[in-house]
C-alpha atoms as a PDB file:
ATOM      1  CA  MET A   1     -54.943  66.425 157.827  1.00  0.00           C
ATOM      2  CA  GLY A   2     -58.541  67.772 156.869  1.00  0.00           C
ATOM      3  CA  LYS A   3     -59.645  69.391 153.187  1.00  0.00           C
ATOM      4  CA  SER A   4     -59.383  72.836 153.289  1.00  0.00           C
ATOM      5  CA  ARG A   5     -62.615  75.010 152.756  1.00  0.00           C
ATOM      6  CA  TYR A   6     -61.549  75.411 148.590  1.00  0.00           C
ATOM      7  CA  GLU A   7     -61.490  70.998 148.570  1.00  0.00           C
ATOM      8  CA  GLN A   8     -64.716  71.212 150.288  1.00  0.00           C
ATOM      9  CA  HIS A   9     -66.147  72.933 147.952  1.00  0.00           C
ATOM     10  CA  THR A  10     -64.737  72.418 144.854  1.00  0.00           C
ATOM     11  CA  THR A  11     -64.269  68.454 142.735  1.00  0.00           C
ATOM     12  CA  MET A  12     -60.924  68.772 140.779  1.00  0.00           C
ATOM     13  CA  ILE A  13     -61.397  66.436 136.957  1.00  0.00           C
ATOM     14  CA  GLU A  14     -58.446  66.823 135.033  1.00  0.00           C
ATOM     15  CA  CYS A  15     -59.534  67.482 131.026  1.00  0.00           C
ATOM     16  CA  SER A  16     -56.806  67.023 128.014  1.00  0.00           C
ATOM     17  CA  ASN A  17     -59.477  68.582 125.913  1.00  0.00           C
ATOM     18  CA  THR A  18     -61.402  71.466 126.207  1.00  0.00           C
ATOM     19  CA  PRO A  19     -62.166  72.151 129.323  1.00  0.00           C
ATOM     20  CA  LEU A  20     -65.650  73.747 131.073  1.00  0.00           C
ATOM     21  CA  VAL A  21     -64.877  77.334 132.721  1.00  0.00           C
ATOM     22  CA  PRO A  22     -66.014  76.923 136.326  1.00  0.00           C
ATOM     23  CA  SER A  23     -69.179  78.035 137.884  1.00  0.00           C
ATOM     24  CA  CYS A  24     -70.426  77.745 141.279  1.00  0.00           C
ATOM     25  CA  ASP A  25     -73.801  77.430 142.507  1.00  0.00           C
ATOM     26  CA  THR A  26     -73.517  78.369 146.366  1.00  0.00           C
ATOM     27  CA  SER A  27     -77.427  78.686 146.549  1.00  0.00           C
ATOM     28  CA  SER A  28     -77.599  74.794 146.310  1.00  0.00           C
ATOM     29  CA  LYS A  29     -74.699  74.029 148.181  1.00  0.00           C
ATOM     30  CA  LYS A  30     -73.719  71.896 145.467  1.00  0.00           C
ATOM     31  CA  LYS A  31     -69.522  70.941 144.609  1.00  0.00           C
ATOM     32  CA  GLU A  32     -68.098  73.244 141.714  1.00  0.00           C
ATOM     33  CA  VAL A  33     -66.881  71.382 138.766  1.00  0.00           C
ATOM     34  CA  ILE A  34     -63.001  73.192 137.982  1.00  0.00           C
ATOM     35  CA  THR A  35     -61.530  71.543 135.263  1.00  0.00           C
ATOM     36  CA  TYR A  36     -58.275  72.272 133.962  1.00  0.00           C
ATOM     37  CA  LYS A  37     -54.894  71.542 132.039  1.00  0.00           C
ATOM     38  CA  ARG A  38     -51.697  70.437 132.667  1.00  0.00           C
ATOM     39  CA  ASP A  39     -48.299  71.078 130.514  1.00  0.00           C
ATOM     40  CA  VAL A  40     -46.227  67.997 129.205  1.00  0.00           C
ATOM     41  CA  ASN A  41     -43.927  68.771 132.879  1.00  0.00           C
ATOM     42  CA  GLY A  42     -47.237  68.172 134.718  1.00  0.00           C
ATOM     43  CA  ASN A  43     -47.904  71.487 135.613  1.00  0.00           C
ATOM     44  CA  LEU A  44     -51.057  73.590 136.417  1.00  0.00           C
ATOM     45  CA  MET A  45     -52.020  75.863 133.372  1.00  0.00           C
ATOM     46  CA  CYS A  46     -54.651  78.137 132.462  1.00  0.00           C
ATOM     47  CA  HIS A  47     -56.586  76.305 129.394  1.00  0.00           C
ATOM     48  CA  LEU A  48     -57.697  80.392 128.338  1.00  0.00           C
ATOM     49  CA  CYS A  49     -53.797  81.735 128.204  1.00  0.00           C
ATOM     50  CA  ASP A  50     -50.952  81.632 129.213  1.00  0.00           C
ATOM     51  CA  PHE A  51     -51.142  81.576 132.936  1.00  0.00           C
ATOM     52  CA  ARG A  52     -49.706  79.113 135.353  1.00  0.00           C
ATOM     53  CA  PRO A  53     -49.551  79.201 138.899  1.00  0.00           C
ATOM     54  CA  LYS A  54     -46.467  79.178 140.569  1.00  0.00           C
ATOM     55  CA  PRO A  55     -44.496  76.208 142.214  1.00  0.00           C
ATOM     56  CA  THR A  56     -44.492  75.856 145.531  1.00  0.00           C
ATOM     57  CA  PRO A  57     -43.273  73.304 148.729  1.00  0.00           C
ATOM     58  CA  SER A  58     -46.473  72.014 148.905  1.00  0.00           C
ATOM     59  CA  HIS A  59     -48.223  72.048 145.441  1.00  0.00           C
ATOM     60  CA  PRO A  60     -44.779  71.504 143.600  1.00  0.00           C
ATOM     61  CA  HIS A  61     -47.134  71.511 140.111  1.00  0.00           C
ATOM     62  CA  GLY A  62     -48.995  74.789 140.547  1.00  0.00           C
ATOM     63  CA  ASN A  63     -51.934  75.646 143.665  1.00  0.00           C
ATOM     64  CA  PRO A  64     -55.327  75.244 142.334  1.00  0.00           C
ATOM     65  CA  SER A  65     -57.050  77.446 144.276  1.00  0.00           C
ATOM     66  CA  THR A  66     -54.305  80.519 142.332  1.00  0.00           C
ATOM     67  CA  LEU A  67     -55.776  79.027 139.174  1.00  0.00           C
ATOM     68  CA  HIS A  68     -59.296  78.399 140.149  1.00  0.00           C
ATOM     69  CA  TYR A  69     -59.085  82.207 141.251  1.00  0.00           C
ATOM     70  CA  HIS A  70     -57.031  83.113 137.992  1.00  0.00           C
ATOM     71  CA  LEU A  71     -60.299  81.518 136.010  1.00  0.00           C
ATOM     72  CA  LYS A  72     -62.765  83.873 138.085  1.00  0.00           C
ATOM     73  CA  LYS A  73     -61.227  86.927 138.036  1.00  0.00           C
ATOM     74  CA  LYS A  74     -59.791  86.733 134.209  1.00  0.00           C
ATOM     75  CA  HIS A  75     -62.137  84.943 132.258  1.00  0.00           C
ATOM     76  CA  THR A  76     -65.393  84.398 133.600  1.00  0.00           C
ATOM     77  CA  GLY A  77     -66.397  87.763 134.772  1.00  0.00           C
ATOM     78  CA  ASP A  78     -67.534  87.377 138.276  1.00  0.00           C
ATOM     79  CA  CYS A  79     -66.134  89.722 140.182  1.00  0.00           C
ATOM     80  CA  SER A  80     -69.746  91.459 141.097  1.00  0.00           C
ATOM     81  CA  HIS A  81     -68.148  93.702 143.390  1.00  0.00           C
ATOM     82  CA  VAL A  82     -67.198  96.769 142.239  1.00  0.00           C
ATOM     83  CA  CYS A  83     -65.861  99.953 143.149  1.00  0.00           C
ATOM     84  CA  LYS A  84     -67.994 102.792 142.310  1.00  0.00           C
ATOM     85  CA  SER A  85     -65.567 105.553 142.327  1.00  0.00           C
ATOM     86  CA  CYS A  86     -62.239 103.654 140.621  1.00  0.00           C
ATOM     87  CA  GLY A  87     -64.215 100.489 138.952  1.00  0.00           C
ATOM     88  CA  TYR A  88     -62.259  98.037 140.152  1.00  0.00           C
ATOM     89  CA  ALA A  89     -64.033  94.175 140.603  1.00  0.00           C
ATOM     90  CA  PHE A  90     -62.904  92.059 143.613  1.00  0.00           C
ATOM     91  CA  LEU A  91     -64.076  88.471 144.135  1.00  0.00           C
ATOM     92  CA  HIS A  92     -65.639  89.234 147.989  1.00  0.00           C
ATOM     93  CA  LYS A  93     -67.220  91.826 149.370  1.00  0.00           C
ATOM     94  CA  LEU A  94     -65.009  92.402 152.311  1.00  0.00           C
ATOM     95  CA  ALA A  95     -62.106  92.565 149.582  1.00  0.00           C
ATOM     96  CA  LEU A  96     -63.860  95.679 148.577  1.00  0.00           C
ATOM     97  CA  GLU A  97     -64.875  97.625 151.728  1.00  0.00           C
ATOM     98  CA  THR A  98     -61.294  97.661 152.378  1.00  0.00           C
ATOM     99  CA  HIS A  99     -60.120  98.919 149.329  1.00  0.00           C
ATOM    100  CA  ILE A 100     -63.148 101.492 149.904  1.00  0.00           C
ATOM    101  CA  ALA A 101     -62.173 101.979 153.234  1.00  0.00           C
ATOM    102  CA  SER A 102     -58.527 102.266 152.071  1.00  0.00           C
ATOM    103  CA  ARG A 103     -58.335 104.311 148.935  1.00  0.00           C
ATOM    104  CA  HIS A 104     -61.296 106.174 148.865  1.00  0.00           C
ATOM    105  CA  PRO A 105     -62.067 107.096 152.536  1.00  0.00           C
ATOM    106  CA  GLU A 106     -64.744 110.225 151.322  1.00  0.00           C
ATOM    107  CA  LEU A 107     -66.423 107.670 150.519  1.00  0.00           C
ATOM    108  CA  ASN A 108     -67.104 105.035 153.112  1.00  0.00           C
ATOM    109  CA  GLN A 109     -69.193 106.440 155.911  1.00  0.00           C
ATOM    110  CA  LYS A 110     -68.350 104.255 158.720  1.00  0.00           C
ATOM    111  CA  VAL A 111     -65.258 102.497 159.093  1.00  0.00           C
ATOM    112  CA  GLU A 112     -64.837  99.933 162.287  1.00  0.00           C
ATOM    113  CA  MET A 113     -61.096 100.374 163.405  1.00  0.00           C
ATOM    114  CA  PHE A 114     -59.139  97.298 165.126  1.00  0.00           C
ATOM    115  CA  ARG A 115     -56.905  98.660 167.395  1.00  0.00           C
ATOM    116  CA  CYS A 116     -53.908  96.842 169.666  1.00  0.00           C
ATOM    117  CA  ASP A 117     -54.359  95.960 172.854  1.00  0.00           C
ATOM    118  CA  CYS A 118     -50.875  95.727 173.998  1.00  0.00           C
ATOM    119  CA  PRO A 119     -49.768  98.490 176.767  1.00  0.00           C
ATOM    120  CA  GLY A 120     -48.850 101.672 174.885  1.00  0.00           C
ATOM    121  CA  CYS A 121     -49.579 100.481 171.437  1.00  0.00           C
ATOM    122  CA  ASN A 122     -51.464 103.229 169.381  1.00  0.00           C
ATOM    123  CA  PHE A 123     -51.853 100.973 166.245  1.00  0.00           C
ATOM    124  CA  GLU A 124     -54.995 100.365 164.506  1.00  0.00           C
ATOM    125  CA  SER A 125     -56.112  98.805 161.463  1.00  0.00           C
ATOM    126  CA  LEU A 126     -59.065  98.515 159.006  1.00  0.00           C
ATOM    127  CA  THR A 127     -58.991  95.051 158.766  1.00  0.00           C
ATOM    128  CA  ARG A 128     -57.936  92.411 161.535  1.00  0.00           C
ATOM    129  CA  GLY A 129     -55.471  90.070 159.684  1.00  0.00           C
ATOM    130  CA  ASN A 130     -53.373  93.469 159.735  1.00  0.00           C
ATOM    131  CA  LEU A 131     -53.913  94.028 163.320  1.00  0.00           C
ATOM    132  CA  GLU A 132     -52.595  89.884 163.327  1.00  0.00           C
ATOM    133  CA  ILE A 133     -49.352  90.498 161.263  1.00  0.00           C
ATOM    134  CA  HIS A 134     -48.651  94.125 163.461  1.00  0.00           C
ATOM    135  CA  LYS A 135     -48.815  91.939 166.701  1.00  0.00           C
ATOM    136  CA  ALA A 136     -46.837  88.916 165.405  1.00  0.00           C
ATOM    137  CA  ARG A 137     -44.390  91.182 163.929  1.00  0.00           C
ATOM    138  CA  LYS A 138     -44.063  93.790 166.291  1.00  0.00           C
ATOM    139  CA  HIS A 139     -44.960  92.551 169.683  1.00  0.00           C
ATOM    140  CA  TYR A 140     -44.233  88.746 169.478  1.00  0.00           C
ATOM    141  CA  ALA A 141     -41.370  89.049 166.857  1.00  0.00           C
ATOM    142  CA  ASN A 142     -38.481  87.081 169.290  1.00  0.00           C
ATOM    143  CA  LEU A 143     -41.190  84.267 169.467  1.00  0.00           C
ATOM    144  CA  VAL A 144     -41.934  84.085 165.669  1.00  0.00           C
ATOM    145  CA  ASN A 145     -39.047  84.133 164.482  1.00  0.00           C
ATOM    146  CA  GLU A 146     -38.454  81.098 166.854  1.00  0.00           C
ATOM    147  CA  HIS A 147     -40.449  79.286 164.460  1.00  0.00           C
ATOM    148  CA  LEU A 148     -39.311  80.469 160.995  1.00  0.00           C
ATOM    149  CA  GLU A 149     -37.426  79.149 158.217  1.00  0.00           C
ATOM    150  CA  LEU A 150     -36.479  80.418 155.372  1.00  0.00           C
ATOM    151  CA  MET A 151     -36.382  77.962 152.607  1.00  0.00           C
ATOM    152  CA  HIS A 152     -35.382  79.130 148.428  1.00  0.00           C
ATOM    153  CA  VAL A 153     -37.034  76.521 145.714  1.00  0.00           C
ATOM    154  CA  ASP A 154     -36.598  77.184 141.976  1.00  0.00           C
ATOM    155  CA  ASN A 155     -35.350  81.197 142.904  1.00  0.00           C
ATOM    156  CA  SER A 156     -38.451  81.718 145.239  1.00  0.00           C
ATOM    157  CA  LYS A 157     -38.214  82.529 149.025  1.00  0.00           C
ATOM    158  CA  TYR A 158     -40.680  81.017 151.219  1.00  0.00           C
ATOM    159  CA  TYR A 159     -41.287  81.274 154.830  1.00  0.00           C
ATOM    160  CA  ARG A 160     -41.897  77.291 156.219  1.00  0.00           C
ATOM    161  CA  CYS A 161     -43.500  77.578 160.337  1.00  0.00           C
ATOM    162  CA  THR A 162     -41.657  74.898 161.949  1.00  0.00           C
ATOM    163  CA  SER A 163     -44.514  74.744 164.487  1.00  0.00           C
ATOM    164  CA  CYS A 164     -46.973  73.008 161.846  1.00  0.00           C
ATOM    165  CA  GLN A 165     -44.775  72.470 158.800  1.00  0.00           C
ATOM    166  CA  LYS A 166     -46.861  74.565 156.399  1.00  0.00           C
ATOM    167  CA  ASP A 167     -45.286  76.684 153.592  1.00  0.00           C
ATOM    168  CA  PHE A 168     -46.302  80.527 152.694  1.00  0.00           C
ATOM    169  CA  LYS A 169     -45.212  82.447 150.000  1.00  0.00           C
ATOM    170  CA  SER A 170     -44.698  85.797 151.535  1.00  0.00           C
ATOM    171  CA  GLY A 171     -43.828  86.801 155.224  1.00  0.00           C
ATOM    172  CA  THR A 172     -46.814  88.427 155.611  1.00  0.00           C
ATOM    173  CA  SER A 173     -48.886  85.308 155.088  1.00  0.00           C
ATOM    174  CA  TYR A 174     -46.388  83.873 157.449  1.00  0.00           C
ATOM    175  CA  HIS A 175     -47.113  86.184 160.167  1.00  0.00           C
ATOM    176  CA  TYR A 176     -50.639  86.095 159.571  1.00  0.00           C
ATOM    177  CA  HIS A 177     -50.702  82.640 159.953  1.00  0.00           C
ATOM    178  CA  ILE A 178     -48.247  82.205 163.282  1.00  0.00           C
ATOM    179  CA  LEU A 179     -49.919  83.654 166.168  1.00  0.00           C
ATOM    180  CA  LYS A 180     -52.890  81.352 165.330  1.00  0.00           C
ATOM    181  CA  CYS A 181     -51.150  78.343 165.209  1.00  0.00           C
ATOM    182  CA  LEU A 182     -48.624  79.099 168.350  1.00  0.00           C
ATOM    183  CA  GLU A 183     -51.826  79.602 170.165  1.00  0.00           C
ATOM    184  CA  ASP A 184     -52.986  76.139 168.928  1.00  0.00           C
ATOM    185  CA  HIS A 185     -50.384  74.280 169.549  1.00  0.00           C
ATOM    186  CA  ASN A 186     -49.796  76.116 173.700  1.00  0.00           C
ATOM    187  CA  ARG A 187     -46.702  77.813 172.909  1.00  0.00           C
ATOM    188  CA  LEU A 188     -47.849  81.184 172.834  1.00  0.00           C
ATOM    189  CA  PRO A 189     -48.024  82.993 176.285  1.00  0.00           C
ATOM    190  CA  MET A 190     -51.476  84.362 177.616  1.00  0.00           C
ATOM    191  CA  ALA A 191     -49.961  86.890 179.187  1.00  0.00           C
ATOM    192  CA  GLN A 192     -49.487  88.659 175.820  1.00  0.00           C
ATOM    193  CA  MET A 193     -52.876  87.588 174.405  1.00  0.00           C
END
């Protein structure tokens, strides 16, 4: 299996002493060096506070990506996309644009809506992702549920795609994934796409 975009962009270095705060130089396409600590049980932990990413079936000691975004959002002040109306900060420009469109529609001059192309459906959304989730839940529910396995680990519920064996923390993330997965494995009926 290939590396994720996060793994391609970062180099993980375990550090037991004082780790460096992550920084990223995307203009020169250099890999970001992330340092992190582990507790006595081997679980990832923030070196600046008590934050520990929750374990998942695919990351039993915590997801490094979750820790990475925690460090950026909470400790480095690297949230350069700030809402001028309420001051809420975001790591990504698209997240800010979606926030403005949904929370402060009076500030947004031009909103591109994504509309469901299924016959007789009037659903529309601010994001393509929400449209895909709508289709998975409303128009492909039987097919989607055939490939869903619910799992319980450490008092947490996880959703497993039986088509590719990936695990998800929420039903929303599973529904976002499943249509693309079924399409990739030629299990999605072409007439309904």
